[in-house]
């Protein structure tokens, strides 16, 4: 399964949850997550989407660690099943 397929499914899932999944790019800060999911009630997630078998880069791993250390929600999702499990949190 392609990463873009999972990413599209993620955006649709967030929309069904009443939120918005912003596509994010930060050229000055490599490793930042692909998406920022803004959900009802002030809930925000930083989400990295990977295809099955894909790997996070060291900069992506550092971003994940740093953003969680700041108290923010972070997830790396590898499949549609991961998206479904994340949506049930």
PDB file of N, CA and C in Angstrom:
ATOM      1  N   UNK A   1       0.843  -1.183   0.000  1.00  0.00           N
ATOM      2  CA  UNK A   1       0.000   0.000   0.000  1.00  0.00           C
ATOM      3  C   UNK A   1       0.883   1.238   0.000  1.00  0.00           C
ATOM      4  N   UNK A   2       0.505   2.198  -0.797  1.00  0.00           N
ATOM      5  CA  UNK A   2       1.277   3.438  -0.906  1.00  0.00           C
ATOM      6  C   UNK A   2       1.007   4.374   0.273  1.00  0.00           C
ATOM      7  N   UNK A   3       2.023   5.156   0.616  1.00  0.00           N
ATOM      8  CA  UNK A   3       1.892   6.135   1.702  1.00  0.00           C
ATOM      9  C   UNK A   3       0.768   7.124   1.413  1.00  0.00           C
ATOM     10  N   UNK A   4       0.658   7.565   0.172  1.00  0.00           N
ATOM     11  CA  UNK A   4      -0.375   8.554  -0.165  1.00  0.00           C
ATOM     12  C   UNK A   4      -1.779   7.974   0.017  1.00  0.00           C
ATOM     13  N   UNK A   5      -1.932   6.665  -0.154  1.00  0.00           N
ATOM     14  CA  UNK A   5      -3.232   6.015   0.067  1.00  0.00           C
ATOM     15  C   UNK A   5      -3.598   6.062   1.549  1.00  0.00           C
ATOM     16  N   UNK A   6      -2.629   5.771   2.404  1.00  0.00           N
ATOM     17  CA  UNK A   6      -2.852   5.807   3.853  1.00  0.00           C
ATOM     18  C   UNK A   6      -3.112   7.247   4.294  1.00  0.00           C
ATOM     19  N   UNK A   7      -2.362   8.178   3.718  1.00  0.00           N
ATOM     20  CA  UNK A   7      -2.526   9.591   4.073  1.00  0.00           C
ATOM     21  C   UNK A   7      -3.920  10.105   3.703  1.00  0.00           C
ATOM     22  N   UNK A   8      -4.403   9.711   2.546  1.00  0.00           N
ATOM     23  CA  UNK A   8      -5.750  10.116   2.126  1.00  0.00           C
ATOM     24  C   UNK A   8      -6.801   9.516   3.061  1.00  0.00           C
ATOM     25  N   UNK A   9      -6.619   8.256   3.432  1.00  0.00           N
ATOM     26  CA  UNK A   9      -7.543   7.599   4.348  1.00  0.00           C
ATOM     27  C   UNK A   9      -7.523   8.287   5.713  1.00  0.00           C
ATOM     28  N   UNK A  10      -6.323   8.673   6.163  1.00  0.00           N
ATOM     29  CA  UNK A  10      -6.190   9.389   7.426  1.00  0.00           C
ATOM     30  C   UNK A  10      -6.973  10.702   7.394  1.00  0.00           C
ATOM     31  N   UNK A  11      -6.808  11.482   6.316  1.00  0.00           N
ATOM     32  CA  UNK A  11      -7.505  12.766   6.196  1.00  0.00           C
ATOM     33  C   UNK A  11      -9.023  12.565   6.202  1.00  0.00           C
ATOM     34  N   UNK A  12      -9.502  11.533   5.523  1.00  0.00           N
ATOM     35  CA  UNK A  12     -10.937  11.239   5.505  1.00  0.00           C
ATOM     36  C   UNK A  12     -11.426  10.844   6.896  1.00  0.00           C
ATOM     37  N   UNK A  13     -10.626  10.064   7.607  1.00  0.00           N
ATOM     38  CA  UNK A  13     -10.994   9.622   8.961  1.00  0.00           C
ATOM     39  C   UNK A  13     -11.085  10.814   9.905  1.00  0.00           C
ATOM     40  N   UNK A  14     -10.098  11.708   9.830  1.00  0.00           N
ATOM     41  CA  UNK A  14     -10.108  12.905  10.680  1.00  0.00           C
ATOM     42  C   UNK A  14     -11.342  13.751  10.377  1.00  0.00           C
ATOM     43  N   UNK A  15     -11.683  13.888   9.113  1.00  0.00           N
ATOM     44  CA  UNK A  15     -12.864  14.666   8.731  1.00  0.00           C
ATOM     45  C   UNK A  15     -14.133  14.053   9.328  1.00  0.00           C
ATOM     46  N   UNK A  16     -14.239  12.710   9.293  1.00  0.00           N
ATOM     47  CA  UNK A  16     -15.398  12.019   9.888  1.00  0.00           C
ATOM     48  C   UNK A  16     -15.462  12.251  11.395  1.00  0.00           C
ATOM     49  N   UNK A  17     -14.296  12.481  12.009  1.00  0.00           N
ATOM     50  CA  UNK A  17     -14.233  12.734  13.451  1.00  0.00           C
ATOM     51  C   UNK A  17     -14.575  14.191  13.775  1.00  0.00           C
ATOM     52  N   UNK A  18     -14.823  15.000  12.744  1.00  0.00           N
ATOM     53  CA  UNK A  18     -15.161  16.406  12.953  1.00  0.00           C
ATOM     54  C   UNK A  18     -13.964  17.329  12.955  1.00  0.00           C
ATOM     55  N   UNK A  19     -12.825  16.828  12.486  1.00  0.00           N
ATOM     56  CA  UNK A  19     -11.608  17.634  12.511  1.00  0.00           C
ATOM     57  C   UNK A  19     -11.064  17.934  11.135  1.00  0.00           C
ATOM     58  N   UNK A  20      -9.846  18.467  11.141  1.00  0.00           N
ATOM     59  CA  UNK A  20      -9.140  18.811   9.910  1.00  0.00           C
ATOM     60  C   UNK A  20      -7.732  18.241  10.010  1.00  0.00           C
ATOM     61  N   UNK A  21      -7.271  17.600   8.931  1.00  0.00           N
ATOM     62  CA  UNK A  21      -5.905  17.077   8.884  1.00  0.00           C
ATOM     63  C   UNK A  21      -5.098  17.960   7.939  1.00  0.00           C
ATOM     64  N   UNK A  22      -4.307  18.838   8.504  1.00  0.00           N
ATOM     65  CA  UNK A  22      -3.493  19.734   7.702  1.00  0.00           C
ATOM     66  C   UNK A  22      -2.245  19.019   7.211  1.00  0.00           C
ATOM     67  N   UNK A  23      -1.951  19.160   5.929  1.00  0.00           N
ATOM     68  CA  UNK A  23      -0.694  18.674   5.360  1.00  0.00           C
ATOM     69  C   UNK A  23       0.353  19.686   5.757  1.00  0.00           C
ATOM     70  N   UNK A  24       1.458  19.206   6.311  1.00  0.00           N
ATOM     71  CA  UNK A  24       2.436  20.129   6.856  1.00  0.00           C
ATOM     72  C   UNK A  24       3.802  19.893   6.236  1.00  0.00           C
ATOM     73  N   UNK A  25       4.475  20.966   5.901  1.00  0.00           N
ATOM     74  CA  UNK A  25       5.835  20.917   5.386  1.00  0.00           C
ATOM     75  C   UNK A  25       6.607  22.075   6.014  1.00  0.00           C
ATOM     76  N   UNK A  26       7.781  21.755   6.503  1.00  0.00           N
ATOM     77  CA  UNK A  26       8.602  22.794   7.121  1.00  0.00           C
ATOM     78  C   UNK A  26      10.032  22.660   6.600  1.00  0.00           C
ATOM     79  N   UNK A  27      10.323  23.279   5.467  1.00  0.00           N
ATOM     80  CA  UNK A  27      11.654  23.143   4.873  1.00  0.00           C
ATOM     81  C   UNK A  27      12.807  23.523   5.813  1.00  0.00           C
ATOM     82  N   UNK A  28      12.564  24.443   6.693  1.00  0.00           N
ATOM     83  CA  UNK A  28      13.618  24.874   7.623  1.00  0.00           C
ATOM     84  C   UNK A  28      13.805  23.908   8.789  1.00  0.00           C
ATOM     85  N   UNK A  29      12.842  23.002   8.986  1.00  0.00           N
ATOM     86  CA  UNK A  29      12.898  22.056  10.115  1.00  0.00           C
ATOM     87  C   UNK A  29      12.593  20.659   9.601  1.00  0.00           C
ATOM     88  N   UNK A  30      13.600  19.996   9.089  1.00  0.00           N
ATOM     89  CA  UNK A  30      13.404  18.652   8.558  1.00  0.00           C
ATOM     90  C   UNK A  30      13.028  17.696   9.683  1.00  0.00           C
ATOM     91  N   UNK A  31      12.204  16.689   9.346  1.00  0.00           N
ATOM     92  CA  UNK A  31      11.801  15.689  10.329  1.00  0.00           C
ATOM     93  C   UNK A  31      10.448  15.953  10.959  1.00  0.00           C
ATOM     94  N   UNK A  32       9.857  17.126  10.683  1.00  0.00           N
ATOM     95  CA  UNK A  32       8.545  17.464  11.234  1.00  0.00           C
ATOM     96  C   UNK A  32       7.495  16.521  10.641  1.00  0.00           C
ATOM     97  N   UNK A  33       6.482  16.191  11.422  1.00  0.00           N
ATOM     98  CA  UNK A  33       5.460  15.237  10.991  1.00  0.00           C
ATOM     99  C   UNK A  33       4.728  15.696   9.721  1.00  0.00           C
ATOM    100  N   UNK A  34       4.178  14.701   8.991  1.00  0.00           N
ATOM    101  CA  UNK A  34       3.464  14.953   7.734  1.00  0.00           C
ATOM    102  C   UNK A  34       2.169  15.738   7.924  1.00  0.00           C
ATOM    103  N   UNK A  35       1.462  15.405   8.978  1.00  0.00           N
ATOM    104  CA  UNK A  35       0.122  15.955   9.191  1.00  0.00           C
ATOM    105  C   UNK A  35      -0.025  16.499  10.603  1.00  0.00           C
ATOM    106  N   UNK A  36      -0.883  17.497  10.711  1.00  0.00           N
ATOM    107  CA  UNK A  36      -1.321  17.978  12.022  1.00  0.00           C
ATOM    108  C   UNK A  36      -2.831  17.806  12.033  1.00  0.00           C
ATOM    109  N   UNK A  37      -3.310  16.946  12.908  1.00  0.00           N
ATOM    110  CA  UNK A  37      -4.740  16.673  13.015  1.00  0.00           C
ATOM    111  C   UNK A  37      -5.321  17.542  14.122  1.00  0.00           C
ATOM    112  N   UNK A  38      -6.234  18.415  13.735  1.00  0.00           N
ATOM    113  CA  UNK A  38      -6.896  19.307  14.687  1.00  0.00           C
ATOM    114  C   UNK A  38      -8.314  18.781  14.862  1.00  0.00           C
ATOM    115  N   UNK A  39      -8.595  18.302  16.068  1.00  0.00           N
ATOM    116  CA  UNK A  39      -9.867  17.653  16.371  1.00  0.00           C
ATOM    117  C   UNK A  39     -10.709  18.518  17.307  1.00  0.00           C
ATOM    118  N   UNK A  40     -11.987  18.183  17.434  1.00  0.00           N
ATOM    119  CA  UNK A  40     -12.845  18.935  18.359  1.00  0.00           C
ATOM    120  C   UNK A  40     -12.282  18.931  19.788  1.00  0.00           C
ATOM    121  N   UNK A  41     -12.716  19.904  20.558  1.00  0.00           N
ATOM    122  CA  UNK A  41     -12.367  20.051  21.970  1.00  0.00           C
ATOM    123  C   UNK A  41     -10.885  20.358  22.202  1.00  0.00           C
ATOM    124  N   UNK A  42     -10.249  20.995  21.232  1.00  0.00           N
ATOM    125  CA  UNK A  42      -8.872  21.425  21.417  1.00  0.00           C
ATOM    126  C   UNK A  42      -7.823  20.331  21.334  1.00  0.00           C
ATOM    127  N   UNK A  43      -8.180  19.183  20.782  1.00  0.00           N
ATOM    128  CA  UNK A  43      -7.238  18.073  20.675  1.00  0.00           C
ATOM    129  C   UNK A  43      -6.437  18.210  19.380  1.00  0.00           C
ATOM    130  N   UNK A  44      -5.110  18.180  19.513  1.00  0.00           N
ATOM    131  CA  UNK A  44      -4.218  18.296  18.359  1.00  0.00           C
ATOM    132  C   UNK A  44      -3.214  17.143  18.386  1.00  0.00           C
ATOM    133  N   UNK A  45      -3.028  16.526  17.234  1.00  0.00           N
ATOM    134  CA  UNK A  45      -2.058  15.442  17.079  1.00  0.00           C
ATOM    135  C   UNK A  45      -1.073  15.792  15.974  1.00  0.00           C
ATOM    136  N   UNK A  46       0.193  15.484  16.192  1.00  0.00           N
ATOM    137  CA  UNK A  46       1.206  15.517  15.142  1.00  0.00           C
ATOM    138  C   UNK A  46       1.326  14.080  14.651  1.00  0.00           C
ATOM    139  N   UNK A  47       1.141  13.861  13.341  1.00  0.00           N
ATOM    140  CA  UNK A  47       1.068  12.502  12.823  1.00  0.00           C
ATOM    141  C   UNK A  47       2.016  12.311  11.643  1.00  0.00           C
ATOM    142  N   UNK A  48       2.825  11.284  11.741  1.00  0.00           N
ATOM    143  CA  UNK A  48       3.693  10.864  10.646  1.00  0.00           C
ATOM    144  C   UNK A  48       3.019   9.663   9.975  1.00  0.00           C
ATOM    145  N   UNK A  49       2.937   9.682   8.660  1.00  0.00           N
ATOM    146  CA  UNK A  49       2.351   8.579   7.904  1.00  0.00           C
ATOM    147  C   UNK A  49       3.483   7.869   7.163  1.00  0.00           C
ATOM    148  N   UNK A  50       3.534   6.555   7.312  1.00  0.00           N
ATOM    149  CA  UNK A  50       4.532   5.738   6.624  1.00  0.00           C
ATOM    150  C   UNK A  50       3.834   4.565   5.939  1.00  0.00           C
ATOM    151  N   UNK A  51       4.413   4.110   4.857  1.00  0.00           N
ATOM    152  CA  UNK A  51       3.885   2.909   4.221  1.00  0.00           C
ATOM    153  C   UNK A  51       4.378   1.700   5.015  1.00  0.00           C
ATOM    154  N   UNK A  52       3.657   0.588   4.929  1.00  0.00           N
ATOM    155  CA  UNK A  52       4.139  -0.612   5.617  1.00  0.00           C
ATOM    156  C   UNK A  52       5.562  -0.945   5.143  1.00  0.00           C
ATOM    157  N   UNK A  53       6.437  -1.188   6.080  1.00  0.00           N
ATOM    158  CA  UNK A  53       7.823  -1.471   5.758  1.00  0.00           C
ATOM    159  C   UNK A  53       8.693  -0.236   5.661  1.00  0.00           C
ATOM    160  N   UNK A  54       8.078   0.943   5.706  1.00  0.00           N
ATOM    161  CA  UNK A  54       8.838   2.194   5.658  1.00  0.00           C
ATOM    162  C   UNK A  54       9.589   2.412   6.955  1.00  0.00           C
ATOM    163  N   UNK A  55      10.522   3.333   6.948  1.00  0.00           N
ATOM    164  CA  UNK A  55      11.318   3.627   8.140  1.00  0.00           C
ATOM    165  C   UNK A  55      11.293   5.112   8.441  1.00  0.00           C
ATOM    166  N   UNK A  56      11.270   5.420   9.715  1.00  0.00           N
ATOM    167  CA  UNK A  56      11.419   6.813  10.130  1.00  0.00           C
ATOM    168  C   UNK A  56      12.888   7.195  10.048  1.00  0.00           C
ATOM    169  N   UNK A  57      13.147   8.420   9.622  1.00  0.00           N
ATOM    170  CA  UNK A  57      14.522   8.911   9.599  1.00  0.00           C
ATOM    171  C   UNK A  57      14.935   9.287  11.023  1.00  0.00           C
ATOM    172  N   UNK A  58      16.232   9.388  11.283  1.00  0.00           N
ATOM    173  CA  UNK A  58      16.659   9.841  12.614  1.00  0.00           C
ATOM    174  C   UNK A  58      16.059  11.199  12.991  1.00  0.00           C
ATOM    175  N   UNK A  59      15.921  12.112  12.025  1.00  0.00           N
ATOM    176  CA  UNK A  59      15.319  13.413  12.333  1.00  0.00           C
ATOM    177  C   UNK A  59      13.844  13.277  12.693  1.00  0.00           C
ATOM    178  N   UNK A  60      13.122  12.368  12.048  1.00  0.00           N
ATOM    179  CA  UNK A  60      11.714  12.127  12.385  1.00  0.00           C
ATOM    180  C   UNK A  60      11.600  11.521  13.784  1.00  0.00           C
ATOM    181  N   UNK A  61      12.500  10.619  14.121  1.00  0.00           N
ATOM    182  CA  UNK A  61      12.499  10.028  15.462  1.00  0.00           C
ATOM    183  C   UNK A  61      12.786  11.087  16.519  1.00  0.00           C
ATOM    184  N   UNK A  62      13.732  11.979  16.214  1.00  0.00           N
ATOM    185  CA  UNK A  62      14.039  13.061  17.163  1.00  0.00           C
ATOM    186  C   UNK A  62      12.843  13.988  17.334  1.00  0.00           C
ATOM    187  N   UNK A  63      12.172  14.330  16.218  1.00  0.00           N
ATOM    188  CA  UNK A  63      10.984  15.174  16.308  1.00  0.00           C
ATOM    189  C   UNK A  63       9.935  14.508  17.194  1.00  0.00           C
ATOM    190  N   UNK A  64       9.703  13.214  16.988  1.00  0.00           N
ATOM    191  CA  UNK A  64       8.708  12.480  17.785  1.00  0.00           C
ATOM    192  C   UNK A  64       9.048  12.560  19.272  1.00  0.00           C
ATOM    193  N   UNK A  65      10.301  12.331  19.603  1.00  0.00           N
ATOM    194  CA  UNK A  65      10.740  12.386  21.004  1.00  0.00           C
ATOM    195  C   UNK A  65      10.579  13.794  21.577  1.00  0.00           C
ATOM    196  N   UNK A  66      11.018  14.779  20.815  1.00  0.00           N
ATOM    197  CA  UNK A  66      10.962  16.172  21.288  1.00  0.00           C
ATOM    198  C   UNK A  66       9.532  16.655  21.475  1.00  0.00           C
ATOM    199  N   UNK A  67       8.652  16.354  20.529  1.00  0.00           N
ATOM    200  CA  UNK A  67       7.275  16.859  20.600  1.00  0.00           C
ATOM    201  C   UNK A  67       6.523  16.205  21.766  1.00  0.00           C
ATOM    202  N   UNK A  68       6.818  14.914  22.013  1.00  0.00           N
ATOM    203  CA  UNK A  68       6.187  14.237  23.151  1.00  0.00           C
ATOM    204  C   UNK A  68       6.738  14.760  24.477  1.00  0.00           C
ATOM    205  N   UNK A  69       8.023  15.087  24.505  1.00  0.00           N
ATOM    206  CA  UNK A  69       8.624  15.646  25.720  1.00  0.00           C
ATOM    207  C   UNK A  69       7.995  16.991  26.074  1.00  0.00           C
ATOM    208  N   UNK A  70       7.493  17.695  25.063  1.00  0.00           N
ATOM    209  CA  UNK A  70       6.814  18.966  25.296  1.00  0.00           C
ATOM    210  C   UNK A  70       5.347  18.779  25.694  1.00  0.00           C
ATOM    211  N   UNK A  71       4.907  17.523  25.761  1.00  0.00           N
ATOM    212  CA  UNK A  71       3.549  17.226  26.206  1.00  0.00           C
ATOM    213  C   UNK A  71       2.511  17.159  25.099  1.00  0.00           C
ATOM    214  N   UNK A  72       2.956  17.102  23.849  1.00  0.00           N
ATOM    215  CA  UNK A  72       2.018  17.038  22.726  1.00  0.00           C
ATOM    216  C   UNK A  72       1.772  15.596  22.293  1.00  0.00           C
ATOM    217  N   UNK A  73       0.646  15.383  21.626  1.00  0.00           N
ATOM    218  CA  UNK A  73       0.286  14.060  21.130  1.00  0.00           C
ATOM    219  C   UNK A  73       0.986  13.805  19.794  1.00  0.00           C
ATOM    220  N   UNK A  74       1.547  12.599  19.647  1.00  0.00           N
ATOM    221  CA  UNK A  74       2.251  12.223  18.429  1.00  0.00           C
ATOM    222  C   UNK A  74       1.929  10.777  18.098  1.00  0.00           C
ATOM    223  N   UNK A  75       1.779  10.499  16.804  1.00  0.00           N
ATOM    224  CA  UNK A  75       1.578   9.117  16.361  1.00  0.00           C
ATOM    225  C   UNK A  75       2.267   8.915  15.023  1.00  0.00           C
ATOM    226  N   UNK A  76       2.792   7.727  14.818  1.00  0.00           N
ATOM    227  CA  UNK A  76       3.294   7.312  13.517  1.00  0.00           C
ATOM    228  C   UNK A  76       2.387   6.155  13.087  1.00  0.00           C
ATOM    229  N   UNK A  77       1.743   6.304  11.945  1.00  0.00           N
ATOM    230  CA  UNK A  77       0.762   5.330  11.471  1.00  0.00           C
ATOM    231  C   UNK A  77       1.272   4.678  10.195  1.00  0.00           C
ATOM    232  N   UNK A  78       1.183   3.338  10.139  1.00  0.00           N
ATOM    233  CA  UNK A  78       1.796   2.557   9.070  1.00  0.00           C
ATOM    234  C   UNK A  78       0.789   1.890   8.146  1.00  0.00           C
ATOM    235  N   UNK A  79      -0.511   1.991   8.454  1.00  0.00           N
ATOM    236  CA  UNK A  79      -1.523   1.285   7.660  1.00  0.00           C
ATOM    237  C   UNK A  79      -2.903   1.873   7.944  1.00  0.00           C
ATOM    238  N   UNK A  80      -3.884   1.467   7.144  1.00  0.00           N
ATOM    239  CA  UNK A  80      -5.269   1.884   7.407  1.00  0.00           C
ATOM    240  C   UNK A  80      -5.736   1.335   8.748  1.00  0.00           C
ATOM    241  N   UNK A  81      -5.277   0.146   9.101  1.00  0.00           N
ATOM    242  CA  UNK A  81      -5.638  -0.439  10.398  1.00  0.00           C
ATOM    243  C   UNK A  81      -5.078   0.404  11.544  1.00  0.00           C
ATOM    244  N   UNK A  82      -3.861   0.924  11.373  1.00  0.00           N
ATOM    245  CA  UNK A  82      -3.300   1.823  12.379  1.00  0.00           C
ATOM    246  C   UNK A  82      -4.125   3.098  12.503  1.00  0.00           C
ATOM    247  N   UNK A  83      -4.591   3.623  11.352  1.00  0.00           N
ATOM    248  CA  UNK A  83      -5.437   4.818  11.368  1.00  0.00           C
ATOM    249  C   UNK A  83      -6.712   4.528  12.143  1.00  0.00           C
ATOM    250  N   UNK A  84      -7.335   3.389  11.874  1.00  0.00           N
ATOM    251  CA  UNK A  84      -8.567   3.022  12.582  1.00  0.00           C
ATOM    252  C   UNK A  84      -8.335   2.901  14.089  1.00  0.00           C
ATOM    253  N   UNK A  85      -7.230   2.257  14.482  1.00  0.00           N
ATOM    254  CA  UNK A  85      -6.923   2.113  15.915  1.00  0.00           C
ATOM    255  C   UNK A  85      -6.654   3.470  16.548  1.00  0.00           C
ATOM    256  N   UNK A  86      -5.941   4.334  15.840  1.00  0.00           N
ATOM    257  CA  UNK A  86      -5.664   5.694  16.344  1.00  0.00           C
ATOM    258  C   UNK A  86      -6.969   6.462  16.550  1.00  0.00           C
ATOM    259  N   UNK A  87      -7.912   6.329  15.636  1.00  0.00           N
ATOM    260  CA  UNK A  87      -9.181   7.073  15.702  1.00  0.00           C
ATOM    261  C   UNK A  87     -10.014   6.652  16.909  1.00  0.00           C
ATOM    262  N   UNK A  88      -9.772   5.463  17.450  1.00  0.00           N
ATOM    263  CA  UNK A  88     -10.533   4.985  18.602  1.00  0.00           C
ATOM    264  C   UNK A  88      -9.946   5.477  19.929  1.00  0.00           C
ATOM    265  N   UNK A  89      -8.806   6.156  19.904  1.00  0.00           N
ATOM    266  CA  UNK A  89      -8.176   6.649  21.161  1.00  0.00           C
ATOM    267  C   UNK A  89      -9.026   7.676  21.828  1.00  0.00           C
TER     268      UNK A  89
END
